[in-house]
N, C-alpha and C. Protein backbone atom coordinates (compact mmCIF):
# COMPACT_ATOMS: atom_id res chain seq x y z
N MET A 1 -14.45 2.49 -8.61
CA MET A 1 -12.99 2.85 -8.20
C MET A 1 -11.95 1.70 -8.38
N ALA A 2 -12.26 0.26 -7.69
CA ALA A 2 -11.34 -0.52 -8.00
C ALA A 2 -11.84 -1.90 -8.83
N TRP A 3 -11.45 -2.01 -10.06
CA TRP A 3 -11.78 -2.92 -10.90
C TRP A 3 -10.62 -3.81 -11.10
N TYR A 4 -10.46 -4.98 -10.85
CA TYR A 4 -9.50 -5.97 -10.89
C TYR A 4 -9.10 -6.17 -12.33
N ASP A 5 -7.91 -6.13 -12.65
CA ASP A 5 -7.45 -6.24 -14.10
C ASP A 5 -7.85 -7.60 -14.71
N ASP A 6 -7.53 -8.69 -13.90
CA ASP A 6 -7.45 -10.03 -14.26
C ASP A 6 -8.87 -10.74 -13.92
N ARG A 7 -10.04 -10.05 -14.23
CA ARG A 7 -11.26 -10.44 -13.92
C ARG A 7 -12.00 -10.93 -15.16
N ASP A 8 -13.12 -11.74 -14.86
CA ASP A 8 -14.16 -12.02 -15.92
C ASP A 8 -15.22 -11.02 -15.48
N GLY A 9 -15.50 -9.92 -16.79
CA GLY A 9 -16.27 -8.89 -16.46
C GLY A 9 -17.63 -9.09 -16.92
N THR A 10 -17.98 -10.38 -17.00
CA THR A 10 -19.33 -10.69 -17.67
C THR A 10 -20.54 -10.71 -16.75
N LYS A 11 -20.32 -10.56 -15.46
CA LYS A 11 -21.36 -10.80 -14.49
C LYS A 11 -21.64 -9.61 -13.54
N LEU A 12 -21.64 -8.29 -13.96
CA LEU A 12 -21.79 -7.14 -13.20
C LEU A 12 -23.39 -7.30 -12.56
N LEU A 13 -23.32 -6.95 -11.21
CA LEU A 13 -24.83 -6.97 -10.96
C LEU A 13 -25.43 -5.74 -11.27
N THR A 14 -26.72 -5.88 -11.62
CA THR A 14 -27.58 -4.65 -11.92
C THR A 14 -28.76 -4.48 -10.96
N ASN A 15 -29.06 -5.28 -10.08
CA ASN A 15 -30.09 -5.20 -9.28
C ASN A 15 -29.62 -3.99 -8.17
N PRO A 16 -30.26 -3.11 -7.98
CA PRO A 16 -29.79 -1.94 -7.08
C PRO A 16 -29.76 -2.61 -5.66
N PHE A 17 -30.57 -3.42 -5.31
CA PHE A 17 -30.62 -3.90 -3.82
C PHE A 17 -29.50 -4.96 -3.73
N ALA A 18 -28.61 -5.42 -4.63
CA ALA A 18 -27.58 -6.27 -4.55
C ALA A 18 -26.30 -5.64 -4.24
N GLN A 19 -26.27 -4.06 -4.31
CA GLN A 19 -25.10 -3.19 -4.02
C GLN A 19 -25.59 -2.03 -3.63
N GLY A 20 -24.64 -1.50 -2.78
CA GLY A 20 -24.72 -0.10 -2.32
C GLY A 20 -24.69 0.91 -3.27
N ALA A 21 -24.91 2.21 -2.85
CA ALA A 21 -24.74 3.23 -3.99
C ALA A 21 -23.11 3.65 -3.96
N LYS A 22 -23.09 4.24 -5.08
CA LYS A 22 -21.59 4.77 -5.44
C LYS A 22 -20.99 5.24 -4.24
N GLY A 23 -19.77 4.50 -3.90
CA GLY A 23 -18.84 5.17 -2.94
C GLY A 23 -19.40 5.01 -1.66
N SER A 24 -20.24 3.99 -1.43
CA SER A 24 -21.12 3.69 -0.08
C SER A 24 -20.13 2.87 0.90
N ASN A 25 -19.08 2.20 0.23
CA ASN A 25 -18.29 1.25 1.25
C ASN A 25 -17.36 2.06 1.99
N GLY A 26 -17.17 3.37 1.85
CA GLY A 26 -16.07 4.09 2.75
C GLY A 26 -14.89 3.76 2.69
N THR A 27 -14.06 3.80 3.80
CA THR A 27 -12.86 3.50 3.90
C THR A 27 -12.67 1.93 3.92
N VAL A 28 -12.30 1.11 2.94
CA VAL A 28 -12.10 -0.26 3.06
C VAL A 28 -10.97 -0.66 3.81
N LYS A 29 -10.93 -1.41 4.93
CA LYS A 29 -9.95 -1.91 5.60
C LYS A 29 -9.94 -3.38 5.82
N ARG A 30 -10.97 -4.12 5.56
CA ARG A 30 -10.81 -5.64 5.93
C ARG A 30 -11.28 -6.42 4.50
N VAL A 31 -10.81 -7.56 4.41
CA VAL A 31 -11.22 -8.58 3.54
C VAL A 31 -11.95 -9.73 4.21
N VAL A 32 -13.01 -9.92 3.65
CA VAL A 32 -13.96 -11.26 4.30
C VAL A 32 -14.05 -12.26 3.32
N ILE A 33 -13.56 -13.46 3.81
CA ILE A 33 -13.49 -14.65 2.96
C ILE A 33 -14.77 -15.59 3.21
N HIS A 34 -15.19 -15.98 2.32
CA HIS A 34 -16.52 -16.79 2.25
C HIS A 34 -16.27 -17.92 1.31
N THR A 35 -17.21 -18.89 1.31
CA THR A 35 -17.41 -19.79 0.22
C THR A 35 -19.21 -19.94 -0.22
N VAL A 36 -19.13 -20.37 -1.28
CA VAL A 36 -20.46 -20.51 -1.82
C VAL A 36 -20.61 -21.64 -2.92
N GLY A 37 -21.63 -22.23 -2.67
CA GLY A 37 -22.12 -23.62 -3.54
C GLY A 37 -21.41 -24.87 -3.21
N TYR A 38 -21.63 -25.93 -4.13
CA TYR A 38 -21.05 -27.23 -3.86
C TYR A 38 -21.38 -27.82 -2.77
N PRO A 39 -22.72 -28.43 -2.47
CA PRO A 39 -23.09 -29.06 -1.29
C PRO A 39 -22.30 -30.41 -1.00
N ASP A 40 -21.65 -30.87 -2.04
CA ASP A 40 -21.05 -32.33 -1.78
C ASP A 40 -19.77 -32.29 -2.47
N GLY A 41 -18.72 -33.09 -2.09
CA GLY A 41 -17.52 -33.19 -2.74
C GLY A 41 -17.45 -33.71 -4.13
N ALA A 42 -18.39 -34.44 -4.61
CA ALA A 42 -18.51 -34.82 -6.17
C ALA A 42 -18.64 -33.57 -7.09
N ALA A 43 -19.50 -32.69 -6.62
CA ALA A 43 -19.82 -31.50 -7.42
C ALA A 43 -18.55 -30.77 -7.65
N ARG A 44 -17.68 -30.83 -6.84
CA ARG A 44 -16.13 -30.17 -7.04
C ARG A 44 -15.53 -30.74 -8.22
N THR A 45 -15.55 -31.79 -8.70
CA THR A 45 -14.85 -32.38 -9.69
C THR A 45 -15.47 -31.96 -11.00
N GLU A 46 -16.60 -31.26 -11.21
CA GLU A 46 -17.13 -30.81 -12.50
C GLU A 46 -16.23 -29.71 -13.06
N LYS A 47 -16.00 -29.91 -14.46
CA LYS A 47 -15.32 -28.99 -15.17
C LYS A 47 -15.90 -27.47 -14.99
N ASN A 48 -17.17 -27.42 -15.21
CA ASN A 48 -17.83 -26.22 -15.35
C ASN A 48 -18.25 -25.80 -13.78
N GLN A 49 -17.32 -24.77 -13.22
CA GLN A 49 -17.58 -24.48 -11.90
C GLN A 49 -18.48 -23.28 -11.94
N ALA A 50 -19.48 -23.10 -12.09
CA ALA A 50 -20.16 -21.78 -12.03
C ALA A 50 -21.07 -21.59 -11.07
N PRO A 51 -20.87 -21.35 -9.51
CA PRO A 51 -22.11 -21.07 -8.70
C PRO A 51 -22.98 -20.04 -9.30
N SER A 52 -24.26 -20.28 -9.11
CA SER A 52 -25.12 -19.25 -9.68
C SER A 52 -25.32 -17.83 -8.86
N CYS A 53 -24.20 -17.51 -8.36
CA CYS A 53 -24.18 -16.23 -7.67
C CYS A 53 -24.98 -15.21 -8.33
N TRP A 54 -24.54 -14.85 -9.72
CA TRP A 54 -25.12 -13.84 -10.29
C TRP A 54 -26.53 -13.78 -10.49
N SER A 55 -26.93 -14.99 -10.81
CA SER A 55 -28.52 -15.03 -11.29
C SER A 55 -29.22 -14.86 -9.73
N GLU A 56 -28.83 -15.65 -8.68
CA GLU A 56 -29.26 -15.52 -7.46
C GLU A 56 -29.33 -14.19 -6.95
N TRP A 57 -28.12 -13.41 -6.70
CA TRP A 57 -28.16 -12.12 -6.18
C TRP A 57 -29.00 -11.08 -6.99
N ASN A 58 -28.68 -11.36 -8.33
CA ASN A 58 -29.44 -10.15 -9.34
C ASN A 58 -30.89 -10.21 -9.29
N GLY A 59 -31.43 -11.77 -8.99
CA GLY A 59 -32.74 -12.03 -8.94
C GLY A 59 -33.55 -12.03 -7.69
N LYS A 60 -32.81 -12.09 -6.47
CA LYS A 60 -33.26 -12.37 -5.28
C LYS A 60 -33.24 -11.18 -4.36
N SER A 61 -32.09 -10.33 -4.63
CA SER A 61 -31.99 -9.33 -3.75
C SER A 61 -33.31 -8.34 -3.70
N THR A 62 -33.54 -8.04 -2.58
CA THR A 62 -34.59 -7.13 -2.31
C THR A 62 -34.37 -6.05 -1.10
N GLU A 63 -35.27 -4.96 -0.98
CA GLU A 63 -34.88 -3.93 -0.08
C GLU A 63 -34.84 -4.53 1.34
N LYS A 64 -35.50 -5.59 1.87
CA LYS A 64 -35.40 -6.30 2.92
C LYS A 64 -34.46 -7.50 3.01
N PHE A 65 -33.77 -7.89 1.97
CA PHE A 65 -33.01 -9.08 1.89
C PHE A 65 -31.84 -8.90 0.78
N ARG A 66 -30.79 -8.18 1.20
CA ARG A 66 -29.73 -7.72 0.43
C ARG A 66 -28.79 -8.76 0.44
N VAL A 67 -28.20 -9.29 -0.72
CA VAL A 67 -27.17 -10.52 -0.44
C VAL A 67 -26.36 -10.17 -1.82
N SER A 68 -24.88 -10.29 -1.77
CA SER A 68 -24.05 -10.28 -2.76
C SER A 68 -22.72 -10.35 -2.09
N ALA A 69 -21.68 -10.17 -3.05
CA ALA A 69 -20.20 -10.15 -2.73
C ALA A 69 -19.58 -9.40 -3.77
N HIS A 70 -18.42 -9.01 -3.56
CA HIS A 70 -17.58 -8.19 -4.54
C HIS A 70 -17.06 -9.15 -5.57
N PHE A 71 -16.43 -10.30 -5.18
CA PHE A 71 -15.76 -11.17 -6.19
C PHE A 71 -16.18 -12.66 -5.79
N CYS A 72 -16.11 -13.52 -6.81
CA CYS A 72 -15.96 -14.95 -6.54
C CYS A 72 -14.99 -15.66 -7.23
N ILE A 73 -14.17 -16.43 -6.64
CA ILE A 73 -13.24 -17.12 -7.32
C ILE A 73 -13.49 -18.69 -7.56
N GLU A 74 -13.57 -18.96 -9.04
CA GLU A 74 -13.92 -20.40 -9.11
C GLU A 74 -12.92 -21.59 -8.94
N LEU A 75 -13.25 -22.73 -8.82
CA LEU A 75 -12.18 -23.89 -8.46
C LEU A 75 -11.06 -23.75 -9.35
N ASP A 76 -11.15 -23.26 -10.76
CA ASP A 76 -10.12 -23.20 -11.71
C ASP A 76 -9.27 -21.97 -11.44
N GLY A 77 -9.71 -20.95 -10.62
CA GLY A 77 -8.99 -19.68 -10.28
C GLY A 77 -9.41 -18.60 -10.97
N ARG A 78 -10.60 -18.77 -11.86
CA ARG A 78 -11.18 -17.66 -12.62
C ARG A 78 -11.67 -16.67 -11.50
N VAL A 79 -11.45 -15.28 -11.76
CA VAL A 79 -12.03 -14.20 -10.96
C VAL A 79 -13.05 -13.84 -11.46
N ILE A 80 -14.29 -13.62 -10.93
CA ILE A 80 -15.49 -12.83 -11.33
C ILE A 80 -15.60 -11.81 -10.36
N GLN A 81 -15.72 -10.39 -10.84
CA GLN A 81 -16.05 -9.24 -10.15
C GLN A 81 -17.43 -8.97 -10.26
N PHE A 82 -18.27 -8.78 -9.35
CA PHE A 82 -19.68 -8.30 -9.26
C PHE A 82 -19.80 -6.97 -8.99
N VAL A 83 -19.04 -6.30 -8.07
CA VAL A 83 -19.39 -4.95 -7.59
C VAL A 83 -18.11 -4.25 -7.41
N ASP A 84 -17.89 -3.11 -7.77
CA ASP A 84 -16.99 -2.07 -7.55
C ASP A 84 -16.70 -2.06 -5.98
N THR A 85 -15.30 -2.19 -5.62
CA THR A 85 -14.85 -2.15 -4.42
C THR A 85 -15.19 -0.91 -3.62
N ALA A 86 -15.69 0.28 -4.32
CA ALA A 86 -15.73 1.58 -3.45
C ALA A 86 -17.29 1.30 -3.13
N ASP A 87 -18.23 0.37 -3.64
CA ASP A 87 -19.59 0.27 -3.25
C ASP A 87 -19.97 -0.94 -2.36
N ILE A 88 -20.58 -0.94 -1.49
CA ILE A 88 -21.00 -1.89 -0.54
C ILE A 88 -21.64 -3.23 -1.36
N ALA A 89 -21.25 -4.45 -0.96
CA ALA A 89 -21.66 -5.61 -1.39
C ALA A 89 -22.04 -6.25 -0.04
N TYR A 90 -23.25 -7.11 0.04
CA TYR A 90 -23.93 -7.42 1.32
C TYR A 90 -23.45 -8.88 1.60
N GLY A 91 -22.30 -8.97 1.97
CA GLY A 91 -21.70 -10.39 2.37
C GLY A 91 -22.01 -10.75 3.86
N THR A 92 -22.16 -9.83 4.70
CA THR A 92 -22.42 -10.14 6.27
C THR A 92 -23.40 -9.24 6.70
N GLY A 93 -24.10 -9.56 7.67
CA GLY A 93 -25.07 -8.44 8.35
C GLY A 93 -24.36 -7.23 9.14
N TRP A 94 -23.16 -7.69 9.79
CA TRP A 94 -22.43 -6.76 10.66
C TRP A 94 -21.02 -6.76 9.83
N LEU A 95 -20.43 -5.69 9.84
CA LEU A 95 -19.29 -5.21 9.24
C LEU A 95 -19.39 -5.38 7.70
N THR A 96 -20.52 -5.34 7.03
CA THR A 96 -20.60 -5.30 5.75
C THR A 96 -19.89 -4.07 4.97
N GLY A 97 -20.06 -3.12 5.50
CA GLY A 97 -19.33 -1.78 5.07
C GLY A 97 -17.71 -1.85 5.40
N GLY A 98 -17.13 -1.08 4.58
CA GLY A 98 -15.76 -1.00 4.92
C GLY A 98 -14.93 -2.18 4.61
N SER A 99 -15.58 -3.27 3.87
CA SER A 99 -15.06 -4.61 3.73
C SER A 99 -15.28 -4.94 2.21
N VAL A 100 -14.26 -5.88 1.70
CA VAL A 100 -14.50 -6.43 0.41
C VAL A 100 -14.68 -7.91 0.60
N HIS A 101 -15.80 -8.28 0.26
CA HIS A 101 -16.23 -9.82 0.19
C HIS A 101 -15.80 -10.40 -0.93
N ILE A 102 -15.02 -11.79 -0.56
CA ILE A 102 -14.51 -12.60 -1.72
C ILE A 102 -15.12 -13.97 -1.52
N GLU A 103 -16.18 -14.44 -2.40
CA GLU A 103 -16.74 -15.73 -2.22
C GLU A 103 -15.53 -16.76 -2.89
N HIS A 104 -15.70 -18.04 -2.55
CA HIS A 104 -14.87 -19.00 -3.18
C HIS A 104 -15.86 -20.00 -3.64
N ALA A 105 -15.73 -20.73 -4.89
CA ALA A 105 -16.48 -21.91 -5.21
C ALA A 105 -15.91 -22.92 -4.26
N GLY A 106 -17.14 -23.54 -3.41
CA GLY A 106 -16.54 -24.50 -2.58
C GLY A 106 -17.56 -24.51 -1.40
N THR A 107 -17.24 -25.58 -0.29
CA THR A 107 -18.23 -25.50 1.09
C THR A 107 -17.41 -26.11 2.07
N HIS A 108 -17.93 -26.00 2.97
CA HIS A 108 -17.42 -26.66 4.31
C HIS A 108 -17.60 -28.22 4.24
N PRO A 109 -16.59 -29.05 4.26
CA PRO A 109 -15.20 -28.79 5.16
C PRO A 109 -14.20 -28.68 3.97
N TYR A 110 -14.34 -28.40 2.83
CA TYR A 110 -13.25 -28.55 1.95
C TYR A 110 -12.31 -27.21 1.69
N GLU A 111 -11.16 -27.59 1.40
CA GLU A 111 -9.96 -26.47 1.30
C GLU A 111 -10.25 -25.94 -0.08
N MET A 112 -9.62 -24.71 -0.33
CA MET A 112 -9.56 -23.97 -1.49
C MET A 112 -8.60 -25.00 -2.41
N THR A 113 -8.89 -24.88 -3.77
CA THR A 113 -7.82 -25.80 -4.67
C THR A 113 -6.64 -24.74 -4.73
N ASP A 114 -5.43 -25.57 -5.09
CA ASP A 114 -4.30 -24.56 -5.20
C ASP A 114 -4.14 -23.38 -5.87
N THR A 115 -5.02 -23.65 -7.10
CA THR A 115 -5.18 -22.17 -8.02
C THR A 115 -6.10 -21.35 -7.24
N GLN A 116 -7.04 -21.79 -6.60
CA GLN A 116 -7.94 -20.75 -5.99
C GLN A 116 -7.17 -20.09 -5.06
N LEU A 117 -6.38 -20.91 -4.07
CA LEU A 117 -5.63 -20.13 -3.00
C LEU A 117 -4.74 -19.11 -3.61
N HIS A 118 -3.82 -19.44 -4.67
CA HIS A 118 -2.77 -18.49 -5.21
C HIS A 118 -3.58 -17.18 -5.77
N ASN A 119 -4.73 -17.48 -6.67
CA ASN A 119 -5.48 -16.37 -7.20
C ASN A 119 -6.02 -15.49 -6.26
N SER A 120 -6.52 -16.00 -5.12
CA SER A 120 -7.24 -15.28 -4.06
C SER A 120 -6.09 -14.48 -3.37
N ALA A 121 -4.88 -14.96 -3.10
CA ALA A 121 -3.82 -14.22 -2.46
C ALA A 121 -3.50 -13.04 -3.37
N ASP A 122 -3.24 -13.39 -4.65
CA ASP A 122 -3.03 -12.27 -5.48
C ASP A 122 -3.98 -11.25 -5.51
N LEU A 123 -5.28 -11.59 -5.54
CA LEU A 123 -6.40 -10.62 -5.45
C LEU A 123 -6.31 -9.91 -4.05
N VAL A 124 -6.08 -10.41 -3.04
CA VAL A 124 -6.11 -9.76 -1.82
C VAL A 124 -4.84 -8.83 -1.61
N ALA A 125 -3.63 -9.05 -2.27
CA ALA A 125 -2.62 -8.30 -2.41
C ALA A 125 -2.84 -6.99 -3.30
N TRP A 126 -3.59 -7.15 -4.45
CA TRP A 126 -4.12 -6.16 -5.21
C TRP A 126 -4.92 -5.30 -4.46
N LEU A 127 -5.98 -5.79 -3.53
CA LEU A 127 -6.83 -5.13 -2.75
C LEU A 127 -6.00 -4.20 -1.91
N LYS A 128 -4.96 -4.57 -1.26
CA LYS A 128 -4.12 -4.00 -0.42
C LYS A 128 -3.60 -2.68 -1.20
N MET A 129 -3.08 -2.93 -2.37
CA MET A 129 -2.64 -1.79 -3.16
C MET A 129 -3.77 -0.62 -3.53
N MET A 130 -4.73 -1.11 -3.71
CA MET A 130 -5.96 -0.22 -3.97
C MET A 130 -6.51 0.45 -2.62
N HIS A 131 -6.41 -0.25 -1.66
CA HIS A 131 -7.05 0.28 -0.34
C HIS A 131 -5.94 0.29 0.69
N PRO A 132 -4.99 1.25 0.84
CA PRO A 132 -3.76 1.04 1.74
C PRO A 132 -4.19 1.16 3.04
N GLU A 133 -5.53 1.25 3.44
CA GLU A 133 -5.55 1.23 5.03
C GLU A 133 -5.90 -0.21 5.51
N MET A 134 -6.08 -1.23 4.45
CA MET A 134 -6.12 -2.52 4.63
C MET A 134 -4.54 -3.03 5.20
N THR A 135 -4.73 -4.08 5.78
CA THR A 135 -3.44 -5.02 6.18
C THR A 135 -3.58 -6.41 5.56
N LEU A 136 -2.54 -7.04 5.61
CA LEU A 136 -2.56 -8.28 5.06
C LEU A 136 -2.27 -9.41 6.16
N GLU A 137 -2.66 -8.80 7.49
CA GLU A 137 -2.53 -9.62 8.69
C GLU A 137 -3.87 -10.33 8.99
N LEU A 138 -3.85 -11.47 9.57
CA LEU A 138 -5.08 -12.05 9.95
C LEU A 138 -5.59 -11.36 11.26
N THR A 139 -6.95 -11.17 11.25
CA THR A 139 -7.49 -10.70 12.51
C THR A 139 -8.01 -11.76 13.48
N GLY A 140 -8.07 -13.02 13.09
CA GLY A 140 -8.53 -14.08 13.71
C GLY A 140 -7.62 -15.36 12.94
N THR A 141 -7.30 -16.25 13.86
CA THR A 141 -6.62 -17.51 13.47
C THR A 141 -7.33 -18.64 13.32
N SER A 142 -8.40 -18.98 13.94
CA SER A 142 -9.09 -20.19 14.03
C SER A 142 -10.50 -20.01 14.67
N ILE A 143 -11.17 -21.14 14.60
CA ILE A 143 -12.62 -20.95 15.19
C ILE A 143 -12.67 -20.82 16.62
N ALA A 144 -11.56 -21.31 17.40
CA ALA A 144 -11.22 -20.83 18.86
C ALA A 144 -10.77 -19.55 18.98
N ASP A 145 -10.09 -19.02 18.01
CA ASP A 145 -9.52 -17.59 18.14
C ASP A 145 -9.93 -16.59 16.97
N PRO A 146 -11.33 -16.23 16.90
CA PRO A 146 -11.83 -15.60 15.70
C PRO A 146 -11.22 -14.03 15.86
N GLY A 147 -10.61 -13.59 16.89
CA GLY A 147 -9.88 -12.34 17.04
C GLY A 147 -10.83 -11.05 16.94
N ASP A 148 -10.41 -10.09 16.43
CA ASP A 148 -11.24 -8.61 16.29
C ASP A 148 -11.55 -8.55 14.88
N PRO A 149 -12.45 -8.78 14.30
CA PRO A 149 -12.91 -8.33 13.07
C PRO A 149 -13.18 -7.11 12.58
N GLU A 150 -13.26 -6.19 13.45
CA GLU A 150 -13.32 -4.80 13.38
C GLU A 150 -12.00 -4.09 12.95
N LYS A 151 -10.84 -4.71 13.34
CA LYS A 151 -9.49 -4.03 12.82
C LYS A 151 -9.26 -4.38 11.35
N PRO A 152 -8.27 -3.63 10.81
CA PRO A 152 -7.96 -3.94 9.53
C PRO A 152 -7.29 -5.28 9.33
N GLY A 153 -7.61 -5.90 8.05
CA GLY A 153 -7.04 -7.08 8.03
C GLY A 153 -7.59 -8.12 7.19
N ILE A 154 -7.45 -9.42 7.37
CA ILE A 154 -8.32 -10.39 6.81
C ILE A 154 -8.95 -11.26 7.74
N THR A 155 -10.24 -11.49 7.43
CA THR A 155 -11.16 -12.23 8.51
C THR A 155 -12.10 -13.15 7.71
N CYS A 156 -13.20 -13.68 8.21
CA CYS A 156 -14.06 -14.40 7.42
C CYS A 156 -15.42 -14.40 8.06
N HIS A 157 -16.29 -14.91 7.45
CA HIS A 157 -17.78 -14.72 7.66
C HIS A 157 -17.95 -15.29 9.20
N HIS A 158 -17.54 -16.64 9.38
CA HIS A 158 -17.73 -17.26 10.54
C HIS A 158 -17.02 -16.43 11.69
N PHE A 159 -15.80 -16.01 11.61
CA PHE A 159 -15.40 -15.06 12.62
C PHE A 159 -16.18 -13.90 13.11
N ILE A 160 -16.80 -13.27 12.18
CA ILE A 160 -17.59 -12.21 12.23
C ILE A 160 -18.97 -12.51 12.95
N GLN A 161 -19.50 -13.79 12.62
CA GLN A 161 -20.70 -13.88 13.43
C GLN A 161 -20.34 -14.48 14.78
N GLN A 162 -19.19 -15.10 15.14
CA GLN A 162 -18.83 -15.47 16.43
C GLN A 162 -18.68 -14.18 17.39
N VAL A 163 -17.78 -13.18 16.80
CA VAL A 163 -17.80 -11.88 17.55
C VAL A 163 -19.02 -11.15 17.68
N TYR A 164 -19.83 -11.05 16.64
CA TYR A 164 -21.20 -10.53 16.81
C TYR A 164 -22.04 -11.10 17.91
N HIS A 165 -21.83 -12.45 17.99
CA HIS A 165 -22.83 -13.15 19.09
C HIS A 165 -22.23 -12.74 20.44
N LYS A 166 -20.95 -12.69 20.60
CA LYS A 166 -20.30 -12.42 21.91
C LYS A 166 -20.56 -11.14 22.30
N LYS A 167 -20.65 -10.04 21.30
CA LYS A 167 -21.01 -8.66 21.64
C LYS A 167 -22.36 -8.54 22.07
N TRP A 168 -23.31 -9.28 21.33
CA TRP A 168 -24.82 -9.06 21.37
C TRP A 168 -25.38 -10.22 21.63
N PRO A 169 -25.21 -11.01 22.76
CA PRO A 169 -25.72 -12.57 22.92
C PRO A 169 -27.18 -12.61 22.93
N ASP A 170 -27.97 -11.60 23.22
CA ASP A 170 -29.41 -11.73 23.29
C ASP A 170 -30.18 -11.51 21.72
N ARG A 171 -29.15 -11.16 20.84
CA ARG A 171 -29.68 -10.84 19.48
C ARG A 171 -29.65 -12.47 18.68
N ASP A 172 -30.65 -12.71 17.79
CA ASP A 172 -30.84 -14.11 17.09
C ASP A 172 -29.96 -13.95 16.11
N ILE A 173 -29.07 -15.07 15.81
CA ILE A 173 -28.24 -15.16 14.68
C ILE A 173 -28.32 -16.79 14.21
N THR A 174 -28.14 -16.97 13.19
CA THR A 174 -28.09 -18.13 12.42
C THR A 174 -26.73 -18.44 12.05
N PHE A 175 -25.94 -19.20 12.66
CA PHE A 175 -24.56 -19.54 12.35
C PHE A 175 -24.29 -20.38 11.11
N LYS A 176 -23.32 -19.71 10.36
CA LYS A 176 -23.00 -20.38 9.23
C LYS A 176 -21.67 -21.07 9.06
N ALA A 177 -21.46 -22.32 8.60
CA ALA A 177 -20.00 -22.70 8.67
C ALA A 177 -19.12 -22.01 7.78
N CYS A 178 -19.52 -21.14 6.81
CA CYS A 178 -18.83 -20.24 5.87
C CYS A 178 -17.68 -19.58 6.43
N PRO A 179 -16.57 -19.82 5.97
CA PRO A 179 -16.21 -20.52 4.95
C PRO A 179 -15.78 -21.74 5.08
N GLY A 180 -16.21 -22.34 6.18
CA GLY A 180 -15.67 -23.69 6.61
C GLY A 180 -14.32 -24.09 6.98
N THR A 181 -14.35 -25.40 7.61
CA THR A 181 -12.99 -25.71 8.50
C THR A 181 -11.64 -25.70 7.64
N GLY A 182 -12.17 -26.20 6.31
CA GLY A 182 -10.89 -26.33 5.42
C GLY A 182 -10.25 -24.98 5.00
N VAL A 183 -11.26 -24.09 4.68
CA VAL A 183 -10.51 -22.72 4.23
C VAL A 183 -10.33 -22.07 5.40
N ILE A 184 -10.84 -22.06 6.46
CA ILE A 184 -10.26 -21.57 7.73
C ILE A 184 -8.84 -21.92 8.10
N GLY A 185 -8.62 -23.18 7.87
CA GLY A 185 -7.28 -23.69 8.19
C GLY A 185 -6.14 -23.31 7.05
N GLN A 186 -6.66 -22.78 6.00
CA GLN A 186 -5.70 -22.24 4.96
C GLN A 186 -5.63 -20.55 5.12
N LEU A 187 -6.27 -19.92 5.91
CA LEU A 187 -6.07 -18.43 6.00
C LEU A 187 -4.62 -18.03 6.45
N PRO A 188 -3.92 -18.66 7.37
CA PRO A 188 -2.42 -18.33 7.60
C PRO A 188 -1.75 -18.50 6.10
N VAL A 189 -2.07 -19.37 5.31
CA VAL A 189 -1.20 -19.59 4.07
C VAL A 189 -1.57 -18.41 2.97
N LEU A 190 -2.89 -18.16 3.23
CA LEU A 190 -3.52 -17.05 2.42
C LEU A 190 -2.77 -15.79 2.75
N SER A 191 -2.67 -15.43 3.98
CA SER A 191 -2.18 -14.35 4.54
C SER A 191 -0.66 -14.09 3.88
N SER A 192 0.12 -15.22 4.29
CA SER A 192 1.43 -15.39 3.66
C SER A 192 1.67 -15.12 2.46
N LEU A 193 0.79 -15.76 1.48
CA LEU A 193 1.09 -15.74 0.02
C LEU A 193 0.59 -14.22 -0.30
N ALA A 194 -0.24 -13.58 0.24
CA ALA A 194 -0.80 -12.29 -0.14
C ALA A 194 0.42 -11.21 0.15
N LYS A 195 0.97 -11.57 1.22
CA LYS A 195 2.16 -10.75 1.55
C LYS A 195 3.40 -10.67 0.49
N THR A 196 3.47 -12.03 0.02
CA THR A 196 4.70 -12.22 -0.96
C THR A 196 4.15 -11.63 -2.26
N TYR A 197 3.18 -11.91 -2.87
CA TYR A 197 2.65 -11.23 -4.01
C TYR A 197 2.66 -9.57 -3.79
N TYR A 198 2.08 -9.14 -2.88
CA TYR A 198 2.32 -7.68 -2.66
C TYR A 198 3.64 -7.11 -2.64
N GLY A 199 4.57 -7.81 -1.94
CA GLY A 199 6.00 -7.42 -2.21
C GLY A 199 6.48 -7.57 -3.45
N VAL A 200 6.09 -8.57 -4.19
CA VAL A 200 6.81 -8.58 -5.61
C VAL A 200 6.10 -7.86 -6.73
N MET A 201 4.67 -7.66 -6.64
CA MET A 201 3.94 -7.39 -7.70
C MET A 201 3.34 -5.82 -7.38
N TYR A 202 3.24 -5.52 -6.24
CA TYR A 202 2.15 -4.30 -6.01
C TYR A 202 2.76 -3.19 -5.14
N SER A 203 3.85 -3.56 -4.40
CA SER A 203 4.49 -2.48 -3.52
C SER A 203 5.42 -1.48 -4.35
């Protein structure tokens, strides 16, 4: 259903366990922000930024361990789309469905690069056009205030985990920093930029 025009179309997932059936994502109402790769700052300076998402997800997803995302945005801003937004990508255990999952090359505690931030905002604005029940509002603002990720809007992996743990404190959960404090601190700017891009380009 939704394929981003300005995408690198070379890495579509073919493993059936890395994506849901056609149309399985239902009504998309949220964007979930993630980071992937780059365990240290030095790696972020390399010109060839290609986290091994495609080979990892395509090779390792199984019926019992499903992992993927709809998009990854490289440090240079290149957008790679792996999964149609109408289909599920397995970015989180809870609230995987009804979501579009966007990975960003990077890791805790680093921020997105300026190019990543602007291209991510443009992508989020485009997603709002394609999925009108989404909003461009943040549903959580900080680690201290993860908000309600069940609402339409922009959230992140860590916020979803925090709220999941509050709802079901007896269930085991391994907390991830994803997307890390740097990116979490940029979420208000991401939301503001997405609104600007949406108003100028997509509304």
